[in-house]
Amino acid sequence: MKASDLLVAALEAEGVEYIFAVPGEENLDLLESLRTSSIRLIVTRHEQGAGFMAATYGRLTGKAGVCLATLGPGATNLTTPAAYAALGAFPLVMITGQKPIKVSKQAQFQIVDVVSLFTPLCKMAKQIVNGERIPSLVREGFRRAQEERPGAVLLELPEDIAEEETSEPVVAPHPRQYAVAGDAALDEAAERILAADRPLLLVGAGANRRSACKALRKFVDDTQFPFFNTQMGKGVLDEASPLYLGTAALSSDDYVHCAIDRADLIVNIGHDVVEKPPFYMEPDGRTVIHINYKAAEVDQVYFPQLEVIGDIAGSVERLGNRLRGKHPSDPAAYANVHEDIAAHIRQGSDDGRFPMVPQRIVADVRAVMGRDDIVALDNGIYKIWFARNYIAHEPNTILLDNALATMGAGLPSAMMAAMLSPERRVLAVCGDGGFMMNSQEVETAVRLGLNLVVLILNDSAYGMIRWKQEELGFPEYGLSFANPDFVAYAKSYGATGHRIESSEALVPTLNEAFESGGVHLIDLPVDYSENRKVLIDELKAMECPQ
């Protein structure tokens, strides 16, 4: 068969359902091979949209998402999604085209050394130089992309290789089993936990993968461990629990750090060094037990004294067996901290000011979203408010990026969630700056017939940086802009636009949009004056409860 047919057959063997793409002429053989395949081609309006959708597919399913671009500028537009997948640990396979490598047709026109460009961002980056190598390269690429810690892989397919004849068979995938932690490490972990007076559980990003949720929930039920989580660990454990002590949305000096400071031992499950440190270790400070698929990456603020390495679910289950019935933790030690944090979250949730303040926005969104519904956040100051104030009940029901933290990913991520879970409400929450970076994908969402609501928080500025500017004592400068009429903008794409004109209008407008179906953009003016009051002044004056 033709090499491009073999590549598609190898992708089908890996279970690929979708390829998200902005094709170019160097992809035409592959495009023709896809035309008669079982794989659905989703054409997006920018390579970033294709890459973010594919990476989010990987995040939600655990299987590598696939995107396609041409050479040169098409490939370079995938660098941000590659970094998004690399830092976020989302399995992603990118396929790019290239000019013929055996005979030069157009000198160096559009030619960039794509493999070298992507090597620092990828677990594997290879040019396919022979059609016979396609099956092994595809199998190895998917294995690396999906294996802990997941990430991005690039395969470059030159034009002349794509049209080669080949008879090499496909390499069938096989399941990957992870080793379990050793008894000695588990025994020592149990001993240290039972010897601690105030142990505390931290759930990180790594626990939000590979179905560790069930084992962790049983562990907490059995041990009554108080817990907190990182931003990307939200929802692994139900945050409605009386044992929940908050989300580490800031690195230090937040209400959750009152609980951290009280702990004499922290069991850190699924720590990922890419997230901002949820606490700082000190040489003579508290003991930390690291439970993860891989050993800790040690730095100045994280150097665990004990590591339990292996499949997280298996490690947690075996550790729980050692602790069951021994009541290693007394939730009462953190009860006043829990109440203090819960009260803080409630503050401002009924604030009637307009433009709306972030606390009221988060509360209203929580009110209209069901337990299993999905909120996908772009990146801006509102991400901190959602991380601190939004109560998540299930894994991957609040999709935020606390790794690369790139703007422009929120809308494509929400689109992918809506494709995979059409029975759920899916809401994209975007700042006006981040929304406009990939707003052209509204056309893609409409073309795909998605049911999706996009809430645009409109302050006509890059609000996160303006907050940082104010925090540093600098005068406001260089961060404001003008926006289009978002209602008319929605209509131009065939979507429905709404403009919120009072704080009481948000909940009914959201419900109406979800109930009517289709794609909706909601223009919501936001008042960020609370940023300084709550996230700067109040935290500076904060006193931990005794």
Protein backbone atom coordinates (compact mmCIF):
# COMPACT_ATOMS: atom_id res chain seq x y z
CA MET A 1 0.00 0.00 0.00
CA LYS A 2 0.94 3.65 -0.18
CA ALA A 3 2.84 4.91 2.88
CA SER A 4 0.13 7.42 3.71
CA ASP A 5 -2.41 4.55 3.69
CA LEU A 6 -0.14 2.62 6.04
CA LEU A 7 0.07 5.61 8.40
CA VAL A 8 -3.72 5.84 8.53
CA ALA A 9 -3.99 2.08 9.12
CA ALA A 10 -1.54 2.42 12.01
CA LEU A 11 -3.60 5.29 13.46
CA GLU A 12 -6.76 3.20 13.16
CA ALA A 13 -5.00 0.36 15.00
CA GLU A 14 -4.28 2.81 17.84
CA GLY A 15 -8.01 3.54 18.10
CA VAL A 16 -7.82 7.09 16.74
CA GLU A 17 -11.33 8.55 16.37
CA TYR A 18 -10.59 12.12 15.28
CA ILE A 19 -7.84 14.12 13.62
CA PHE A 20 -8.04 17.88 14.13
CA ALA A 21 -6.41 19.66 11.24
CA VAL A 22 -5.52 22.63 9.10
CA PRO A 23 -4.18 20.71 6.09
CA GLY A 24 -1.69 21.98 3.51
CA GLU A 25 -0.50 20.76 0.13
CA GLU A 26 2.22 18.64 1.77
CA ASN A 27 -0.56 16.67 3.53
CA LEU A 28 -2.62 15.84 0.44
CA ASP A 29 -1.62 12.15 0.15
CA LEU A 30 -2.42 11.68 3.83
CA LEU A 31 -5.68 13.62 3.41
CA GLU A 32 -6.73 11.29 0.59
CA SER A 33 -5.91 8.27 2.75
CA LEU A 34 -8.03 9.70 5.56
CA ARG A 35 -10.98 10.26 3.21
CA THR A 36 -11.77 6.55 3.02
CA SER A 37 -10.81 5.70 6.62
CA SER A 38 -12.84 5.29 9.81
CA ILE A 39 -11.20 8.41 11.29
CA ARG A 40 -13.25 11.62 11.37
CA LEU A 41 -11.40 14.69 10.10
CA ILE A 42 -12.25 17.89 12.00
CA VAL A 43 -11.04 20.99 10.15
CA THR A 44 -10.37 23.93 12.48
CA ARG A 45 -9.70 27.58 11.70
CA HIS A 46 -6.20 27.71 13.22
CA GLU A 47 -3.59 25.11 14.09
CA GLN A 48 -3.78 26.19 17.73
CA GLY A 49 -7.45 25.24 17.80
CA ALA A 50 -6.61 21.82 16.34
CA GLY A 51 -3.79 21.25 18.83
CA PHE A 52 -5.75 22.37 21.89
CA MET A 53 -8.72 20.18 20.93
CA ALA A 54 -6.46 17.16 20.40
CA ALA A 55 -4.63 17.73 23.69
CA THR A 56 -7.94 18.04 25.55
CA TYR A 57 -9.10 14.78 23.96
CA GLY A 58 -5.99 13.21 25.48
CA ARG A 59 -6.63 14.87 28.83
CA LEU A 60 -10.22 13.59 29.04
CA THR A 61 -9.76 10.08 27.61
CA GLY A 62 -6.18 9.12 28.47
CA LYS A 63 -5.70 8.21 24.78
CA ALA A 64 -3.50 10.40 22.62
CA GLY A 65 -5.35 13.04 20.64
CA VAL A 66 -4.10 13.62 17.10
CA CYS A 67 -3.72 16.83 15.13
CA LEU A 68 -2.41 17.55 11.64
CA ALA A 69 -0.68 20.57 10.09
CA THR A 70 1.43 21.37 7.09
CA LEU A 71 5.12 22.33 7.08
CA GLY A 72 6.64 25.69 8.04
CA PRO A 73 4.05 28.11 9.45
CA GLY A 74 1.50 25.33 9.94
CA ALA A 75 3.94 23.37 12.09
CA THR A 76 5.21 26.38 14.03
CA ASN A 77 1.62 27.23 14.99
CA LEU A 78 1.54 23.92 16.89
CA THR A 79 4.37 24.86 19.25
CA THR A 80 2.00 26.34 21.83
CA PRO A 81 -0.30 23.27 21.89
CA ALA A 82 2.83 21.10 22.10
CA ALA A 83 3.98 23.03 25.17
CA TYR A 84 0.42 22.91 26.55
CA ALA A 85 0.46 19.11 26.32
CA ALA A 86 4.04 18.79 27.55
CA LEU A 87 3.58 20.84 30.71
CA GLY A 88 -0.01 19.74 31.34
CA ALA A 89 0.79 16.03 30.82
CA PHE A 90 -1.83 15.55 28.11
CA PRO A 91 -1.12 12.77 25.54
CA LEU A 92 -0.87 14.35 22.07
CA VAL A 93 0.43 13.15 18.70
CA MET A 94 1.13 15.84 16.10
CA ILE A 95 1.62 14.97 12.42
CA THR A 96 3.18 17.59 10.16
CA GLY A 97 4.05 17.65 6.47
CA GLN A 98 7.35 18.49 4.82
CA LYS A 99 8.81 19.06 1.34
CA PRO A 100 10.32 16.02 -0.42
CA ILE A 101 13.56 14.95 1.24
CA LYS A 102 15.02 12.92 -1.64
CA VAL A 103 14.82 15.60 -4.35
CA SER A 104 14.60 19.34 -3.73
CA LYS A 105 11.81 21.05 -5.68
CA GLN A 106 11.64 24.54 -4.21
CA ALA A 107 14.99 25.09 -2.46
CA GLN A 108 14.34 26.28 1.13
CA PHE A 109 10.84 27.71 0.55
CA GLN A 110 8.82 27.32 3.81
CA ILE A 111 11.33 24.80 5.15
CA VAL A 112 12.02 24.95 8.88
CA ASP A 113 13.83 22.26 10.85
CA VAL A 114 10.60 21.20 12.52
CA VAL A 115 12.03 18.17 14.31
CA SER A 116 14.73 20.23 16.01
CA LEU A 117 12.21 22.94 16.84
CA PHE A 118 9.87 20.49 18.60
CA THR A 119 12.46 18.28 20.29
CA PRO A 120 12.59 20.34 23.52
CA LEU A 121 8.77 20.26 23.73
CA CYS A 122 8.20 16.59 22.92
CA LYS A 123 8.84 13.18 24.42
CA MET A 124 9.71 12.11 20.87
CA ALA A 125 10.13 14.06 17.60
CA LYS A 126 10.96 12.13 14.44
CA GLN A 127 11.00 12.62 10.70
CA ILE A 128 9.73 9.58 8.80
CA VAL A 129 12.46 8.88 6.24
CA ASN A 130 11.20 5.50 5.03
CA GLY A 131 7.67 4.17 4.66
CA GLU A 132 8.70 0.85 6.18
CA ARG A 133 9.34 2.61 9.51
CA ILE A 134 5.82 3.97 9.85
CA PRO A 135 4.30 1.12 11.93
CA SER A 136 7.07 1.08 14.54
CA LEU A 137 7.28 4.89 14.76
CA VAL A 138 3.51 5.25 15.20
CA ARG A 139 3.41 2.55 17.89
CA GLU A 140 6.39 4.04 19.71
CA GLY A 141 4.96 7.56 19.39
CA PHE A 142 1.63 6.61 20.92
CA ARG A 143 3.34 4.59 23.66
CA ARG A 144 5.47 7.53 24.69
CA ALA A 145 2.66 10.07 24.43
CA GLN A 146 0.37 8.01 26.67
CA GLU A 147 2.88 6.58 29.14
CA GLU A 148 3.36 8.33 32.49
CA ARG A 149 4.16 11.15 32.52
CA PRO A 150 2.04 11.81 29.32
CA GLY A 151 3.00 14.47 26.82
CA ALA A 152 3.50 15.46 23.18
CA VAL A 153 5.00 13.55 20.24
CA LEU A 154 5.75 14.83 16.71
CA LEU A 155 5.88 12.77 13.52
CA GLU A 156 6.93 14.58 10.33
CA LEU A 157 5.82 12.97 7.03
CA PRO A 158 7.57 14.35 3.92
CA GLU A 159 5.65 14.45 0.62
CA ASP A 160 7.78 11.88 -1.19
CA ILE A 161 7.71 9.43 1.70
CA ALA A 162 3.91 9.69 1.90
CA GLU A 163 3.56 8.43 -1.68
CA GLU A 164 6.03 5.54 -1.38
CA GLU A 165 4.85 1.96 -1.79
CA THR A 166 5.28 -0.27 1.28
CA SER A 167 4.18 -3.69 2.50
CA GLU A 168 5.17 -3.42 6.18
CA PRO A 169 2.48 -4.70 8.61
CA VAL A 170 0.96 -2.55 11.36
CA VAL A 171 2.34 -3.04 14.89
CA ALA A 172 -0.61 -3.79 17.17
CA PRO A 173 -0.82 -1.82 20.43
CA HIS A 174 -0.82 -3.59 23.78
CA PRO A 175 -1.96 -2.46 27.24
CA ARG A 176 0.58 -0.89 29.59
CA GLN A 177 0.65 -2.16 33.17
CA TYR A 178 2.43 -0.12 35.84
CA ALA A 179 4.48 -1.63 38.62
CA VAL A 180 3.16 -1.46 42.17
CA ALA A 181 4.96 0.15 45.09
CA GLY A 182 7.12 -2.11 47.26
CA ASP A 183 5.98 -3.35 50.67
CA ALA A 184 8.89 -1.69 52.48
CA ALA A 185 7.92 1.79 51.23
CA LEU A 186 4.24 1.22 52.00
CA ASP A 187 5.00 -0.10 55.49
CA GLU A 188 7.16 2.91 56.27
CA ALA A 189 4.52 5.30 54.90
CA ALA A 190 1.87 3.72 57.14
CA GLU A 191 4.16 3.94 60.18
CA ARG A 192 4.90 7.63 59.59
CA ILE A 193 1.22 8.46 59.07
CA LEU A 194 0.17 6.67 62.27
CA ALA A 195 2.92 8.44 64.19
CA ALA A 196 1.80 11.89 63.00
CA ASP A 197 -0.52 14.07 65.09
CA ARG A 198 -1.99 16.14 62.24
CA PRO A 199 -1.48 14.40 58.87
CA LEU A 200 -2.86 16.14 55.80
CA LEU A 201 -3.55 14.84 52.29
CA LEU A 202 -2.66 16.81 49.14
CA VAL A 203 -4.11 15.78 45.77
CA GLY A 204 -2.16 16.94 42.71
CA ALA A 205 -2.50 16.80 38.94
CA GLY A 206 -1.12 13.26 38.60
CA ALA A 207 -4.01 11.89 40.64
CA ASN A 208 -6.44 13.24 38.03
CA ARG A 209 -5.33 10.58 35.54
CA ARG A 210 -5.78 6.85 35.04
CA SER A 211 -8.78 6.35 37.31
CA ALA A 212 -7.03 6.94 40.62
CA CYS A 213 -10.22 8.69 41.80
CA LYS A 214 -12.05 5.57 43.02
CA ALA A 215 -9.13 4.35 45.13
CA LEU A 216 -8.53 7.83 46.58
CA ARG A 217 -12.17 8.30 47.56
CA LYS A 218 -12.21 4.98 49.39
CA PHE A 219 -8.92 5.88 51.09
CA VAL A 220 -10.36 9.16 52.42
CA ASP A 221 -13.62 7.50 53.49
CA ASP A 222 -11.67 4.88 55.44
CA THR A 223 -9.05 7.16 56.99
CA GLN A 224 -11.01 10.43 57.34
CA PHE A 225 -7.95 12.29 56.08
CA PRO A 226 -8.52 16.06 55.76
CA PHE A 227 -7.39 17.08 52.27
CA PHE A 228 -6.64 19.97 49.99
CA ASN A 229 -5.73 19.98 46.31
CA THR A 230 -3.81 21.82 43.64
CA GLN A 231 -5.69 23.57 40.85
CA MET A 232 -5.27 20.62 38.48
CA GLY A 233 -6.21 18.18 41.24
CA LYS A 234 -9.70 19.69 41.63
CA GLY A 235 -12.57 17.20 41.58
CA VAL A 236 -10.56 14.04 42.23
CA LEU A 237 -12.12 14.14 45.71
CA ASP A 238 -15.54 15.71 46.27
CA GLU A 239 -14.97 19.26 47.50
CA ALA A 240 -18.39 19.27 49.19
CA SER A 241 -16.86 16.97 51.81
CA PRO A 242 -16.41 18.32 55.37
CA LEU A 243 -12.83 17.07 55.05
CA TYR A 244 -12.05 19.50 52.18
CA LEU A 245 -9.76 22.33 53.24
CA GLY A 246 -9.52 24.27 50.00
CA THR A 247 -7.58 24.60 46.77
CA ALA A 248 -4.03 25.94 46.66
CA ALA A 249 -4.73 28.63 44.07
CA LEU A 250 -1.84 30.73 45.35
CA SER A 251 1.61 29.51 46.33
CA SER A 252 1.56 30.94 49.86
CA ASP A 253 -0.27 33.14 52.36
CA ASP A 254 -3.80 32.03 51.48
CA TYR A 255 -6.44 30.57 53.80
CA VAL A 256 -5.58 26.98 52.85
CA HIS A 257 -2.03 27.56 54.06
CA CYS A 258 -3.40 27.87 57.60
CA ALA A 259 -4.15 24.14 57.37
CA ILE A 260 -0.79 23.39 55.75
CA ASP A 261 1.07 25.24 58.51
CA ARG A 262 -0.81 23.18 61.13
CA ALA A 263 0.15 19.82 59.56
CA ASP A 264 3.11 17.80 60.81
CA LEU A 265 2.97 15.40 57.83
CA ILE A 266 1.70 15.83 54.28
CA VAL A 267 0.87 12.88 52.04
CA ASN A 268 1.31 14.31 48.53
CA ILE A 269 -0.47 12.20 45.92
CA GLY A 270 0.13 12.99 42.25
CA HIS A 271 2.53 15.90 42.72
CA ASP A 272 3.53 17.52 39.43
CA VAL A 273 6.41 19.98 39.54
CA VAL A 274 4.88 22.12 36.77
CA GLU A 275 2.19 23.45 39.10
CA LYS A 276 3.11 26.37 41.31
CA PRO A 277 4.23 24.95 44.67
CA PRO A 278 1.13 24.53 46.86
CA PHE A 279 3.39 24.78 49.91
CA TYR A 280 7.07 25.34 50.62
CA MET A 281 9.22 22.71 52.32
CA GLU A 282 11.96 23.73 54.73
CA PRO A 283 14.94 21.63 55.92
CA ASP A 284 13.61 21.22 59.47
CA GLY A 285 9.93 21.41 58.57
CA ARG A 286 7.14 18.90 58.17
CA THR A 287 7.59 15.41 56.72
CA VAL A 288 6.33 14.84 53.17
CA ILE A 289 5.44 11.45 51.66
CA HIS A 290 5.47 11.47 47.85
CA ILE A 291 3.07 8.99 46.17
CA ASN A 292 3.26 8.97 42.40
CA TYR A 293 4.04 6.99 39.26
CA LYS A 294 7.56 8.39 39.21
CA ALA A 295 10.15 9.65 41.66
CA ALA A 296 10.00 13.27 42.77
CA GLU A 297 11.84 15.99 40.92
CA VAL A 298 13.72 17.50 43.83
CA ASP A 299 14.22 21.26 44.04
CA GLN A 300 14.72 23.88 46.75
CA VAL A 301 11.09 23.80 47.89
CA TYR A 302 10.24 20.11 47.35
CA PHE A 303 12.39 17.27 48.70
CA PRO A 304 10.13 14.53 50.16
CA GLN A 305 11.57 12.33 52.89
CA LEU A 306 9.77 9.20 51.66
CA GLU A 307 8.72 8.16 48.15
CA VAL A 308 6.11 5.51 47.30
CA ILE A 309 6.56 4.90 43.57
CA GLY A 310 4.20 2.89 41.37
CA ASP A 311 0.63 2.89 40.10
CA ILE A 312 -1.16 5.54 42.19
CA ALA A 313 -4.43 3.62 42.55
CA GLY A 314 -2.57 0.47 43.62
CA SER A 315 -0.35 2.35 46.07
CA VAL A 316 -3.30 4.16 47.66
CA GLU A 317 -5.32 0.94 47.95
CA ARG A 318 -2.44 -0.94 49.61
CA LEU A 319 -1.66 1.97 51.94
CA GLY A 320 -5.33 2.19 52.88
CA ASN A 321 -5.34 -1.51 53.77
CA ARG A 322 -2.50 -0.88 56.21
CA LEU A 323 -4.32 2.04 57.84
CA ARG A 324 -7.89 0.72 57.86
CA GLY A 325 -9.47 0.71 61.30
CA LYS A 326 -6.57 2.54 62.91
CA HIS A 327 -8.02 6.06 62.48
CA PRO A 328 -4.74 7.78 61.60
CA SER A 329 -6.32 11.22 61.38
CA ASP A 330 -8.55 13.40 63.56
CA PRO A 331 -10.57 15.78 61.35
CA ALA A 332 -11.32 17.92 64.41
CA ALA A 333 -7.76 19.24 64.26
CA TYR A 334 -8.70 21.15 61.13
CA ALA A 335 -12.40 21.83 61.79
CA ASN A 336 -12.04 25.56 62.46
CA VAL A 337 -9.83 25.95 59.37
CA HIS A 338 -12.48 24.20 57.27
CA GLU A 339 -15.20 26.54 58.58
CA ASP A 340 -13.02 29.60 58.04
CA ILE A 341 -12.30 28.66 54.42
CA ALA A 342 -15.95 27.77 53.74
CA ALA A 343 -17.06 31.14 55.11
CA HIS A 344 -14.49 32.94 53.00
CA ILE A 345 -15.76 31.17 49.85
CA ARG A 346 -19.32 32.29 50.65
CA GLN A 347 -18.34 35.95 50.90
CA GLY A 348 -19.59 37.95 47.94
CA SER A 349 -21.60 35.08 46.46
CA ASP A 350 -24.78 37.19 46.62
CA ASP A 351 -23.18 40.58 45.85
CA GLY A 352 -25.64 42.50 43.68
CA ARG A 353 -23.19 44.98 42.17
CA PHE A 354 -23.00 45.40 38.42
CA PRO A 355 -20.67 44.95 36.58
CA MET A 356 -20.50 41.66 38.44
CA VAL A 357 -17.77 40.77 40.92
CA PRO A 358 -15.91 37.45 40.50
CA GLN A 359 -17.32 35.81 43.68
CA ARG A 360 -20.91 36.26 42.43
CA ILE A 361 -19.97 35.01 38.95
CA VAL A 362 -18.44 31.82 40.35
CA ALA A 363 -21.44 31.23 42.65
CA ASP A 364 -23.93 31.75 39.81
CA VAL A 365 -22.01 29.42 37.48
CA ARG A 366 -21.91 26.77 40.22
CA ALA A 367 -25.70 27.18 40.66
CA VAL A 368 -26.50 26.36 37.02
CA MET A 369 -23.96 23.57 36.49
CA GLY A 370 -24.80 20.04 37.58
CA ARG A 371 -22.51 17.70 39.46
CA ASP A 372 -21.12 16.16 36.24
CA ASP A 373 -21.25 19.25 34.03
CA ILE A 374 -17.99 20.73 32.73
CA VAL A 375 -16.48 24.20 33.07
CA ALA A 376 -13.46 24.86 30.83
CA LEU A 377 -11.42 27.90 31.84
CA ASP A 378 -9.17 29.99 29.66
CA ASN A 379 -6.37 31.83 31.49
CA GLY A 380 -6.78 35.05 33.40
CA ILE A 381 -7.35 36.38 36.90
CA TYR A 382 -10.77 34.68 37.03
CA LYS A 383 -8.95 31.31 37.06
CA ILE A 384 -7.77 32.06 40.60
CA TRP A 385 -11.33 32.90 41.66
CA PHE A 386 -12.69 29.68 40.16
CA ALA A 387 -9.87 27.60 41.67
CA ARG A 388 -10.55 28.99 45.15
CA ASN A 389 -14.35 29.34 45.09
CA TYR A 390 -15.77 26.76 42.66
CA ILE A 391 -16.72 23.51 44.40
CA ALA A 392 -15.90 20.56 42.12
CA HIS A 393 -17.55 17.21 42.73
CA GLU A 394 -16.11 14.96 40.01
CA PRO A 395 -12.77 14.62 38.16
CA ASN A 396 -12.28 16.70 35.01
CA THR A 397 -15.41 18.77 35.59
CA ILE A 398 -13.36 21.94 35.87
CA LEU A 399 -10.71 22.05 33.14
CA LEU A 400 -8.06 24.60 33.95
CA ASP A 401 -4.43 24.86 32.92
CA ASN A 402 -2.06 25.59 35.77
CA ALA A 403 0.97 24.32 33.85
CA LEU A 404 1.65 26.30 30.66
CA ALA A 405 -1.31 28.55 31.60
CA THR A 406 -1.72 29.74 28.03
CA MET A 407 -4.43 32.08 26.87
CA GLY A 408 -6.53 30.94 23.91
CA ALA A 409 -7.04 27.32 25.00
CA GLY A 410 -10.34 27.66 26.85
CA LEU A 411 -12.72 27.70 23.87
CA PRO A 412 -11.12 24.75 21.98
CA SER A 413 -10.95 22.75 25.23
CA ALA A 414 -14.64 23.33 25.88
CA MET A 415 -15.45 22.34 22.28
CA MET A 416 -13.69 19.02 22.77
CA ALA A 417 -15.51 18.42 26.04
CA ALA A 418 -18.83 19.15 24.33
CA MET A 419 -18.00 16.67 21.54
CA LEU A 420 -17.12 13.91 24.00
CA SER A 421 -19.97 14.57 26.46
CA PRO A 422 -23.00 15.87 24.52
CA GLU A 423 -25.30 14.87 27.39
CA ARG A 424 -23.63 17.32 29.80
CA ARG A 425 -23.74 21.09 30.06
CA VAL A 426 -20.37 22.47 28.94
CA LEU A 427 -19.40 26.07 29.69
CA ALA A 428 -16.29 27.88 28.47
CA VAL A 429 -15.27 30.76 30.72
CA CYS A 430 -12.93 33.15 28.89
CA GLY A 431 -11.58 36.60 29.47
CA ASP A 432 -12.09 38.94 26.54
CA GLY A 433 -8.34 38.81 25.82
CA GLY A 434 -8.07 35.02 25.76
CA PHE A 435 -11.34 34.56 23.87
CA MET A 436 -10.22 36.78 21.00
CA MET A 437 -7.00 34.78 20.56
CA ASN A 438 -8.94 31.82 19.12
CA SER A 439 -12.44 33.24 18.71
CA GLN A 440 -12.53 32.09 15.07
CA GLU A 441 -13.18 28.57 16.38
CA VAL A 442 -16.76 29.65 17.10
CA GLU A 443 -17.33 28.86 13.41
CA THR A 444 -15.95 25.35 13.98
CA ALA A 445 -18.25 24.86 16.99
CA VAL A 446 -21.28 25.97 14.98
CA ARG A 447 -20.30 23.77 12.00
CA LEU A 448 -19.95 20.76 14.31
CA GLY A 449 -23.40 21.37 15.76
CA LEU A 450 -22.11 21.56 19.32
CA ASN A 451 -24.16 22.54 22.34
CA LEU A 452 -21.81 24.99 24.02
CA VAL A 453 -22.09 28.19 26.06
CA VAL A 454 -19.18 30.64 26.17
CA LEU A 455 -19.15 33.16 29.01
CA ILE A 456 -16.92 36.13 28.08
CA LEU A 457 -15.76 38.15 31.08
CA ASN A 458 -15.43 41.62 29.63
CA ASP A 459 -13.15 44.18 31.26
CA SER A 460 -11.48 45.45 28.05
CA ALA A 461 -8.04 44.66 29.46
CA TYR A 462 -5.52 41.94 30.21
CA GLY A 463 -6.86 41.68 33.75
CA MET A 464 -4.38 39.22 35.26
CA ILE A 465 -1.39 41.35 34.33
CA ARG A 466 -3.19 44.51 35.46
CA TRP A 467 -3.69 42.85 38.88
CA LYS A 468 0.02 41.97 39.05
CA GLN A 469 0.89 45.51 37.96
CA GLU A 470 -1.19 46.87 40.84
CA GLU A 471 0.25 44.34 43.31
CA LEU A 472 3.76 45.60 42.50
CA GLY A 473 2.69 49.19 43.02
CA PHE A 474 3.08 50.26 39.40
CA PRO A 475 0.63 52.72 37.79
CA GLU A 476 -1.82 51.24 35.32
CA TYR A 477 -0.27 51.28 31.84
CA GLY A 478 -0.38 49.43 28.52
CA LEU A 479 -2.97 46.72 29.21
CA SER A 480 -6.29 48.07 27.90
CA PHE A 481 -7.99 47.50 24.53
CA ALA A 482 -11.34 47.70 22.74
CA ASN A 483 -13.62 44.74 21.99
CA PRO A 484 -16.05 43.95 19.19
CA ASP A 485 -19.79 43.83 19.81
CA PHE A 486 -19.85 40.21 21.04
CA VAL A 487 -23.59 39.79 20.38
CA ALA A 488 -23.16 40.81 16.75
CA TYR A 489 -19.94 38.78 16.59
CA ALA A 490 -21.82 35.65 17.67
CA LYS A 491 -24.54 36.27 15.09
CA SER A 492 -21.98 36.63 12.31
CA TYR A 493 -20.90 33.00 12.93
CA GLY A 494 -24.44 31.66 13.20
CA ALA A 495 -24.29 31.49 17.00
CA THR A 496 -26.56 33.28 19.50
CA GLY A 497 -25.33 36.28 21.45
CA HIS A 498 -26.49 37.62 24.83
CA ARG A 499 -25.50 40.72 26.77
CA ILE A 500 -25.89 40.71 30.54
CA GLU A 501 -27.12 44.05 31.93
CA SER A 502 -27.79 43.21 35.58
CA SER A 503 -26.38 40.75 38.11
CA GLU A 504 -29.79 39.06 38.39
CA ALA A 505 -29.77 38.24 34.67
CA LEU A 506 -26.82 35.83 34.56
CA VAL A 507 -28.43 32.68 35.97
CA PRO A 508 -31.59 32.81 33.81
CA THR A 509 -29.53 33.65 30.72
CA LEU A 510 -27.20 30.70 31.29
CA ASN A 511 -30.13 28.34 31.84
CA GLU A 512 -31.93 29.63 28.76
CA ALA A 513 -28.80 29.18 26.63
CA PHE A 514 -28.25 25.61 27.81
CA GLU A 515 -31.89 24.66 27.38
CA SER A 516 -32.17 26.04 23.85
CA GLY A 517 -29.02 24.24 22.61
CA GLY A 518 -26.51 25.33 20.00
CA VAL A 519 -23.60 27.73 20.47
CA HIS A 520 -24.11 30.82 22.65
CA LEU A 521 -21.78 33.71 23.52
CA ILE A 522 -22.62 35.68 26.67
CA ASP A 523 -21.01 39.11 27.09
CA LEU A 524 -20.66 39.74 30.83
CA PRO A 525 -19.12 42.97 32.16
CA VAL A 526 -16.90 42.16 35.15
CA ASP A 527 -15.70 44.33 38.03
CA TYR A 528 -12.21 43.27 39.13
CA SER A 529 -11.88 45.82 41.94
CA GLU A 530 -12.23 42.88 44.35
CA ASN A 531 -8.85 41.57 43.17
CA ARG A 532 -6.95 44.05 45.27
CA LYS A 533 -9.34 43.95 48.23
CA VAL A 534 -9.53 40.14 48.55
CA LEU A 535 -6.39 38.79 46.91
CA ILE A 536 -3.95 41.45 48.12
CA ASP A 537 -5.16 43.51 51.10
CA GLU A 538 -7.24 40.87 52.91
CA LEU A 539 -4.61 38.17 52.49
CA LYS A 540 -1.90 40.47 53.84
CA ALA A 541 -4.05 41.06 56.94
CA MET A 542 -5.14 37.42 57.29
CA GLU A 543 -4.78 35.68 60.64
CA CYS A 544 -5.10 31.91 60.86
CA PRO A 545 -7.79 30.56 63.24
CA GLN A 546 -6.50 28.95 66.42
